Amino acid sequence: MKNKHINEKDAQGLRTGVWVGYHGNGNIACQDTYKEGVLNGLSRIWTNHGKISWSENFVMGVNEGEVIGIENL
C-alpha cells in the first residue's frame, strides 16, 4: 500500500497509528493500533501461515468487547 504510514512515533517518541510486525517468512505476524503510546483499536495476531489466530479491540489500553482466539474462528 503506497503512502500508508506504519510503525511511526509521535514527537514524544510514543507509538502512534498502525504498527505491523512480520514473521521470518515475510507473512504478517501482528497488527496493532496505538494512540499516544497506548493500544487503541484492533489488535490482531496471525500464524506464520497467514491465518488469524487472535483478535481483540482496545480503547485507550482497555480491552473492549470479545477476545477472539483461534478456537473461536
PDB file of N, CA and C in Angstrom:
ATOM      1  N   MET A   1       0.846  -1.172   0.000  1.00  0.00           N
ATOM      2  CA  MET A   1       0.000   0.000   0.000  1.00  0.00           C
ATOM      3  C   MET A   1       0.892   1.235   0.000  1.00  0.00           C
ATOM      4  N   LYS A   2       0.852   1.937  -1.051  1.00  0.00           N
ATOM      5  CA  LYS A   2       1.645   3.147  -1.175  1.00  0.00           C
ATOM      6  C   LYS A   2       1.092   4.241  -0.263  1.00  0.00           C
ATOM      7  N   ASN A   3       1.995   5.002   0.350  1.00  0.00           N
ATOM      8  CA  ASN A   3       1.646   6.126   1.219  1.00  0.00           C
ATOM      9  C   ASN A   3       0.999   5.712   2.540  1.00  0.00           C
ATOM     10  N   LYS A   4       1.036   4.431   2.886  1.00  0.00           N
ATOM     11  CA  LYS A   4       0.486   4.001   4.165  1.00  0.00           C
ATOM     12  C   LYS A   4       1.566   4.161   5.225  1.00  0.00           C
ATOM     13  N   HIS A   5       1.246   4.888   6.292  1.00  0.00           N
ATOM     14  CA  HIS A   5       2.198   5.128   7.367  1.00  0.00           C
ATOM     15  C   HIS A   5       2.060   4.036   8.418  1.00  0.00           C
ATOM     16  N   ILE A   6       3.143   3.302   8.668  1.00  0.00           N
ATOM     17  CA  ILE A   6       3.139   2.281   9.701  1.00  0.00           C
ATOM     18  C   ILE A   6       4.379   2.433  10.568  1.00  0.00           C
ATOM     19  N   ASN A   7       4.305   1.891  11.768  1.00  0.00           N
ATOM     20  CA  ASN A   7       5.416   1.875  12.717  1.00  0.00           C
ATOM     21  C   ASN A   7       6.022   3.260  12.920  1.00  0.00           C
ATOM     22  N   GLU A   8       5.177   4.235  13.200  1.00  0.00           N
ATOM     23  CA  GLU A   8       5.637   5.607  13.428  1.00  0.00           C
ATOM     24  C   GLU A   8       5.506   5.989  14.892  1.00  0.00           C
ATOM     25  N   LYS A   9       6.303   6.960  15.297  1.00  0.00           N
ATOM     26  CA  LYS A   9       6.234   7.512  16.651  1.00  0.00           C
ATOM     27  C   LYS A   9       5.928   8.997  16.548  1.00  0.00           C
ATOM     28  N   ASP A  10       5.268   9.509  17.587  1.00  0.00           N
ATOM     29  CA  ASP A  10       4.947  10.930  17.605  1.00  0.00           C
ATOM     30  C   ASP A  10       6.143  11.738  18.116  1.00  0.00           C
ATOM     31  N   ALA A  11       5.962  13.035  18.295  1.00  0.00           N
ATOM     32  CA  ALA A  11       7.054  13.923  18.709  1.00  0.00           C
ATOM     33  C   ALA A  11       7.620  13.554  20.075  1.00  0.00           C
ATOM     34  N   GLN A  12       6.825  12.891  20.918  1.00  0.00           N
ATOM     35  CA  GLN A  12       7.286  12.465  22.240  1.00  0.00           C
ATOM     36  C   GLN A  12       7.925  11.083  22.214  1.00  0.00           C
ATOM     37  N   GLY A  13       7.996  10.473  21.037  1.00  0.00           N
ATOM     38  CA  GLY A  13       8.588   9.148  20.900  1.00  0.00           C
ATOM     39  C   GLY A  13       7.644   8.005  21.224  1.00  0.00           C
ATOM     40  N   LEU A  14       6.337   8.305  21.283  1.00  0.00           N
ATOM     41  CA  LEU A  14       5.331   7.294  21.593  1.00  0.00           C
ATOM     42  C   LEU A  14       4.767   6.699  20.307  1.00  0.00           C
ATOM     43  N   ARG A  15       4.465   5.416  20.350  1.00  0.00           N
ATOM     44  CA  ARG A  15       3.858   4.768  19.181  1.00  0.00           C
ATOM     45  C   ARG A  15       2.544   5.452  18.833  1.00  0.00           C
ATOM     46  N   THR A  16       2.318   5.595  17.531  1.00  0.00           N
ATOM     47  CA  THR A  16       1.073   6.188  17.055  1.00  0.00           C
ATOM     48  C   THR A  16       0.658   5.525  15.751  1.00  0.00           C
ATOM     49  N   GLY A  17      -0.635   5.351  15.566  1.00  0.00           N
ATOM     50  CA  GLY A  17      -1.138   4.740  14.340  1.00  0.00           C
ATOM     51  C   GLY A  17      -0.932   3.241  14.307  1.00  0.00           C
ATOM     52  N   VAL A  18      -0.871   2.700  13.112  1.00  0.00           N
ATOM     53  CA  VAL A  18      -0.779   1.259  12.897  1.00  0.00           C
ATOM     54  C   VAL A  18       0.672   0.793  12.999  1.00  0.00           C
ATOM     55  N   TRP A  19       0.879  -0.278  13.765  1.00  0.00           N
ATOM     56  CA  TRP A  19       2.185  -0.926  13.882  1.00  0.00           C
ATOM     57  C   TRP A  19       2.034  -2.358  13.399  1.00  0.00           C
ATOM     58  N   VAL A  20       2.965  -2.794  12.557  1.00  0.00           N
ATOM     59  CA  VAL A  20       2.898  -4.118  11.948  1.00  0.00           C
ATOM     60  C   VAL A  20       4.229  -4.842  12.163  1.00  0.00           C
ATOM     61  N   GLY A  21       4.137  -6.129  12.514  1.00  0.00           N
ATOM     62  CA  GLY A  21       5.315  -6.989  12.619  1.00  0.00           C
ATOM     63  C   GLY A  21       5.169  -8.156  11.656  1.00  0.00           C
ATOM     64  N   TYR A  22       6.278  -8.746  11.264  1.00  0.00           N
ATOM     65  CA  TYR A  22       6.257  -9.816  10.266  1.00  0.00           C
ATOM     66  C   TYR A  22       6.997 -11.050  10.760  1.00  0.00           C
ATOM     67  N   HIS A  23       6.534 -12.211  10.311  1.00  0.00           N
ATOM     68  CA  HIS A  23       7.244 -13.473  10.540  1.00  0.00           C
ATOM     69  C   HIS A  23       8.484 -13.491   9.643  1.00  0.00           C
ATOM     70  N   GLY A  24       9.418 -14.370   9.939  1.00  0.00           N
ATOM     71  CA  GLY A  24      10.630 -14.509   9.135  1.00  0.00           C
ATOM     72  C   GLY A  24      10.367 -14.845   7.678  1.00  0.00           C
ATOM     73  N   ASN A  25       9.209 -15.460   7.389  1.00  0.00           N
ATOM     74  CA  ASN A  25       8.881 -15.815   6.007  1.00  0.00           C
ATOM     75  C   ASN A  25       8.222 -14.659   5.246  1.00  0.00           C
ATOM     76  N   GLY A  26       8.083 -13.511   5.906  1.00  0.00           N
ATOM     77  CA  GLY A  26       7.508 -12.335   5.252  1.00  0.00           C
ATOM     78  C   GLY A  26       6.025 -12.149   5.475  1.00  0.00           C
ATOM     79  N   ASN A  27       5.348 -13.159   6.002  1.00  0.00           N
ATOM     80  CA  ASN A  27       3.916 -13.027   6.287  1.00  0.00           C
ATOM     81  C   ASN A  27       3.710 -12.129   7.503  1.00  0.00           C
ATOM     82  N   ILE A  28       2.592 -11.433   7.516  1.00  0.00           N
ATOM     83  CA  ILE A  28       2.270 -10.565   8.642  1.00  0.00           C
ATOM     84  C   ILE A  28       2.132 -11.398   9.915  1.00  0.00           C
ATOM     85  N   ALA A  29       2.676 -10.907  11.026  1.00  0.00           N
ATOM     86  CA  ALA A  29       2.610 -11.600  12.311  1.00  0.00           C
ATOM     87  C   ALA A  29       1.636 -10.906  13.261  1.00  0.00           C
ATOM     88  N   CYS A  30       1.648  -9.571  13.267  1.00  0.00           N
ATOM     89  CA  CYS A  30       0.775  -8.838  14.168  1.00  0.00           C
ATOM     90  C   CYS A  30       0.500  -7.442  13.622  1.00  0.00           C
ATOM     91  N   GLN A  31      -0.629  -6.911  14.045  1.00  0.00           N
ATOM     92  CA  GLN A  31      -1.001  -5.554  13.675  1.00  0.00           C
ATOM     93  C   GLN A  31      -1.737  -4.937  14.863  1.00  0.00           C
ATOM     94  N   ASP A  32      -1.232  -3.821  15.337  1.00  0.00           N
ATOM     95  CA  ASP A  32      -1.819  -3.115  16.468  1.00  0.00           C
ATOM     96  C   ASP A  32      -1.991  -1.651  16.097  1.00  0.00           C
ATOM     97  N   THR A  33      -2.950  -1.000  16.741  1.00  0.00           N
ATOM     98  CA  THR A  33      -3.166   0.427  16.537  1.00  0.00           C
ATOM     99  C   THR A  33      -2.939   1.141  17.866  1.00  0.00           C
ATOM    100  N   TYR A  34      -2.165   2.227  17.801  1.00  0.00           N
ATOM    101  CA  TYR A  34      -1.796   2.978  19.006  1.00  0.00           C
ATOM    102  C   TYR A  34      -2.231   4.428  18.914  1.00  0.00           C
ATOM    103  N   LYS A  35      -2.483   5.006  20.082  1.00  0.00           N
ATOM    104  CA  LYS A  35      -2.726   6.437  20.214  1.00  0.00           C
ATOM    105  C   LYS A  35      -1.990   6.878  21.474  1.00  0.00           C
ATOM    106  N   GLU A  36      -1.097   7.823  21.320  1.00  0.00           N
ATOM    107  CA  GLU A  36      -0.314   8.333  22.444  1.00  0.00           C
ATOM    108  C   GLU A  36       0.410   7.215  23.180  1.00  0.00           C
ATOM    109  N   GLY A  37       0.910   6.213  22.432  1.00  0.00           N
ATOM    110  CA  GLY A  37       1.677   5.117  23.004  1.00  0.00           C
ATOM    111  C   GLY A  37       0.871   4.020  23.660  1.00  0.00           C
ATOM    112  N   VAL A  38      -0.460   4.095  23.554  1.00  0.00           N
ATOM    113  CA  VAL A  38      -1.353   3.131  24.194  1.00  0.00           C
ATOM    114  C   VAL A  38      -2.168   2.415  23.123  1.00  0.00           C
ATOM    115  N   LEU A  39      -2.367   1.089  23.305  1.00  0.00           N
ATOM    116  CA  LEU A  39      -3.210   0.359  22.366  1.00  0.00           C
ATOM    117  C   LEU A  39      -4.578   1.014  22.298  1.00  0.00           C
ATOM    118  N   ASN A  40      -5.029   1.272  21.067  1.00  0.00           N
ATOM    119  CA  ASN A  40      -6.312   1.929  20.871  1.00  0.00           C
ATOM    120  C   ASN A  40      -6.851   1.533  19.504  1.00  0.00           C
ATOM    121  N   GLY A  41      -7.619   0.458  19.482  1.00  0.00           N
ATOM    122  CA  GLY A  41      -8.151  -0.055  18.224  1.00  0.00           C
ATOM    123  C   GLY A  41      -7.936  -1.551  18.152  1.00  0.00           C
ATOM    124  N   LEU A  42      -8.079  -2.076  16.968  1.00  0.00           N
ATOM    125  CA  LEU A  42      -7.980  -3.511  16.741  1.00  0.00           C
ATOM    126  C   LEU A  42      -6.546  -4.003  16.893  1.00  0.00           C
ATOM    127  N   SER A  43      -6.388  -5.128  17.569  1.00  0.00           N
ATOM    128  CA  SER A  43      -5.104  -5.799  17.728  1.00  0.00           C
ATOM    129  C   SER A  43      -5.277  -7.226  17.218  1.00  0.00           C
ATOM    130  N   ARG A  44      -4.424  -7.633  16.270  1.00  0.00           N
ATOM    131  CA  ARG A  44      -4.568  -8.965  15.676  1.00  0.00           C
ATOM    132  C   ARG A  44      -3.223  -9.666  15.583  1.00  0.00           C
ATOM    133  N   ILE A  45      -3.266 -10.996  15.674  1.00  0.00           N
ATOM    134  CA  ILE A  45      -2.077 -11.834  15.518  1.00  0.00           C
ATOM    135  C   ILE A  45      -2.396 -12.897  14.476  1.00  0.00           C
ATOM    136  N   TRP A  46      -1.426 -13.162  13.596  1.00  0.00           N
ATOM    137  CA  TRP A  46      -1.564 -14.181  12.559  1.00  0.00           C
ATOM    138  C   TRP A  46      -0.556 -15.301  12.785  1.00  0.00           C
ATOM    139  N   THR A  47      -0.889 -16.496  12.326  1.00  0.00           N
ATOM    140  CA  THR A  47       0.071 -17.601  12.322  1.00  0.00           C
ATOM    141  C   THR A  47       1.084 -17.340  11.215  1.00  0.00           C
ATOM    142  N   ASN A  48       2.178 -18.084  11.218  1.00  0.00           N
ATOM    143  CA  ASN A  48       3.167 -17.883  10.151  1.00  0.00           C
ATOM    144  C   ASN A  48       2.666 -18.380   8.804  1.00  0.00           C
ATOM    145  N   HIS A  49       1.497 -19.013   8.784  1.00  0.00           N
ATOM    146  CA  HIS A  49       0.885 -19.459   7.527  1.00  0.00           C
ATOM    147  C   HIS A  49      -0.181 -18.495   7.024  1.00  0.00           C
ATOM    148  N   GLY A  50      -0.365 -17.365   7.728  1.00  0.00           N
ATOM    149  CA  GLY A  50      -1.277 -16.331   7.265  1.00  0.00           C
ATOM    150  C   GLY A  50      -2.694 -16.404   7.787  1.00  0.00           C
ATOM    151  N   LYS A  51      -2.949 -17.250   8.779  1.00  0.00           N
ATOM    152  CA  LYS A  51      -4.290 -17.381   9.337  1.00  0.00           C
ATOM    153  C   LYS A  51      -4.385 -16.563  10.632  1.00  0.00           C
ATOM    154  N   ILE A  52      -5.452 -15.786  10.797  1.00  0.00           N
ATOM    155  CA  ILE A  52      -5.629 -15.010  12.026  1.00  0.00           C
ATOM    156  C   ILE A  52      -5.801 -15.969  13.194  1.00  0.00           C
ATOM    157  N   SER A  53      -5.024 -15.740  14.261  1.00  0.00           N
ATOM    158  CA  SER A  53      -5.121 -16.607  15.430  1.00  0.00           C
ATOM    159  C   SER A  53      -5.637 -15.870  16.667  1.00  0.00           C
ATOM    160  N   TRP A  54      -5.664 -14.538  16.638  1.00  0.00           N
ATOM    161  CA  TRP A  54      -6.087 -13.770  17.809  1.00  0.00           C
ATOM    162  C   TRP A  54      -6.572 -12.406  17.359  1.00  0.00           C
ATOM    163  N   SER A  55      -7.645 -11.920  17.960  1.00  0.00           N
ATOM    164  CA  SER A  55      -8.164 -10.599  17.630  1.00  0.00           C
ATOM    165  C   SER A  55      -8.862 -10.020  18.850  1.00  0.00           C
ATOM    166  N   GLU A  56      -8.554  -8.774  19.156  1.00  0.00           N
ATOM    167  CA  GLU A  56      -9.244  -8.082  20.240  1.00  0.00           C
ATOM    168  C   GLU A  56      -9.208  -6.585  19.979  1.00  0.00           C
ATOM    169  N   ASN A  57     -10.094  -5.859  20.645  1.00  0.00           N
ATOM    170  CA  ASN A  57     -10.195  -4.422  20.449  1.00  0.00           C
ATOM    171  C   ASN A  57      -9.880  -3.693  21.754  1.00  0.00           C
ATOM    172  N   PHE A  58      -9.119  -2.612  21.645  1.00  0.00           N
ATOM    173  CA  PHE A  58      -8.748  -1.813  22.807  1.00  0.00           C
ATOM    174  C   PHE A  58      -9.256  -0.382  22.652  1.00  0.00           C
ATOM    175  N   VAL A  59      -9.641   0.223  23.772  1.00  0.00           N
ATOM    176  CA  VAL A  59      -9.971   1.634  23.831  1.00  0.00           C
ATOM    177  C   VAL A  59      -9.062   2.224  24.896  1.00  0.00           C
ATOM    178  N   MET A  60      -8.075   2.974  24.451  1.00  0.00           N
ATOM    179  CA  MET A  60      -7.074   3.592  25.317  1.00  0.00           C
ATOM    180  C   MET A  60      -6.520   2.617  26.363  1.00  0.00           C
ATOM    181  N   GLY A  61      -6.073   1.452  25.860  1.00  0.00           N
ATOM    182  CA  GLY A  61      -5.393   0.463  26.683  1.00  0.00           C
ATOM    183  C   GLY A  61      -6.277  -0.543  27.386  1.00  0.00           C
ATOM    184  N   VAL A  62      -7.584  -0.353  27.304  1.00  0.00           N
ATOM    185  CA  VAL A  62      -8.523  -1.248  27.980  1.00  0.00           C
ATOM    186  C   VAL A  62      -9.213  -2.119  26.942  1.00  0.00           C
ATOM    187  N   ASN A  63      -9.194  -3.442  27.182  1.00  0.00           N
ATOM    188  CA  ASN A  63      -9.868  -4.363  26.272  1.00  0.00           C
ATOM    189  C   ASN A  63     -11.361  -4.099  26.304  1.00  0.00           C
ATOM    190  N   GLU A  64     -11.934  -3.919  25.124  1.00  0.00           N
ATOM    191  CA  GLU A  64     -13.369  -3.671  24.980  1.00  0.00           C
ATOM    192  C   GLU A  64     -13.955  -4.770  24.113  1.00  0.00           C
ATOM    193  N   GLY A  65     -14.900  -5.479  24.633  1.00  0.00           N
ATOM    194  CA  GLY A  65     -15.569  -6.490  23.832  1.00  0.00           C
ATOM    195  C   GLY A  65     -14.917  -7.850  23.935  1.00  0.00           C
ATOM    196  N   GLU A  66     -15.261  -8.690  22.991  1.00  0.00           N
ATOM    197  CA  GLU A  66     -14.855 -10.086  22.986  1.00  0.00           C
ATOM    198  C   GLU A  66     -13.437 -10.279  22.452  1.00  0.00           C
ATOM    199  N   VAL A  67     -12.676 -11.124  23.135  1.00  0.00           N
ATOM    200  CA  VAL A  67     -11.377 -11.555  22.630  1.00  0.00           C
ATOM    201  C   VAL A  67     -11.647 -12.807  21.806  1.00  0.00           C
ATOM    202  N   ILE A  68     -11.171 -12.801  20.579  1.00  0.00           N
ATOM    203  CA  ILE A  68     -11.433 -13.942  19.695  1.00  0.00           C
ATOM    204  C   ILE A  68     -10.117 -14.671  19.467  1.00  0.00           C
ATOM    205  N   GLY A  69     -10.040 -15.900  19.998  1.00  0.00           N
ATOM    206  CA  GLY A  69      -8.878 -16.750  19.805  1.00  0.00           C
ATOM    207  C   GLY A  69      -9.119 -17.727  18.677  1.00  0.00           C
ATOM    208  N   ILE A  70      -8.089 -18.432  18.279  1.00  0.00           N
ATOM    209  CA  ILE A  70      -8.168 -19.332  17.132  1.00  0.00           C
ATOM    210  C   ILE A  70      -9.282 -20.367  17.281  1.00  0.00           C
ATOM    211  N   GLU A  71      -9.554 -20.787  18.490  1.00  0.00           N
ATOM    212  CA  GLU A  71     -10.590 -21.790  18.690  1.00  0.00           C
ATOM    213  C   GLU A  71     -11.983 -21.239  18.387  1.00  0.00           C
ATOM    214  N   ASN A  72     -12.124 -19.907  18.325  1.00  0.00           N
ATOM    215  CA  ASN A  72     -13.417 -19.287  18.052  1.00  0.00           C
ATOM    216  C   ASN A  72     -13.583 -18.843  16.607  1.00  0.00           C
ATOM    217  N   LEU A  73     -12.543 -19.017  15.794  1.00  0.00           N
ATOM    218  CA  LEU A  73     -12.608 -18.532  14.411  1.00  0.00           C
ATOM    219  C   LEU A  73     -13.170 -19.582  13.475  1.00  0.00           C
TER     220      LEU A  73
END
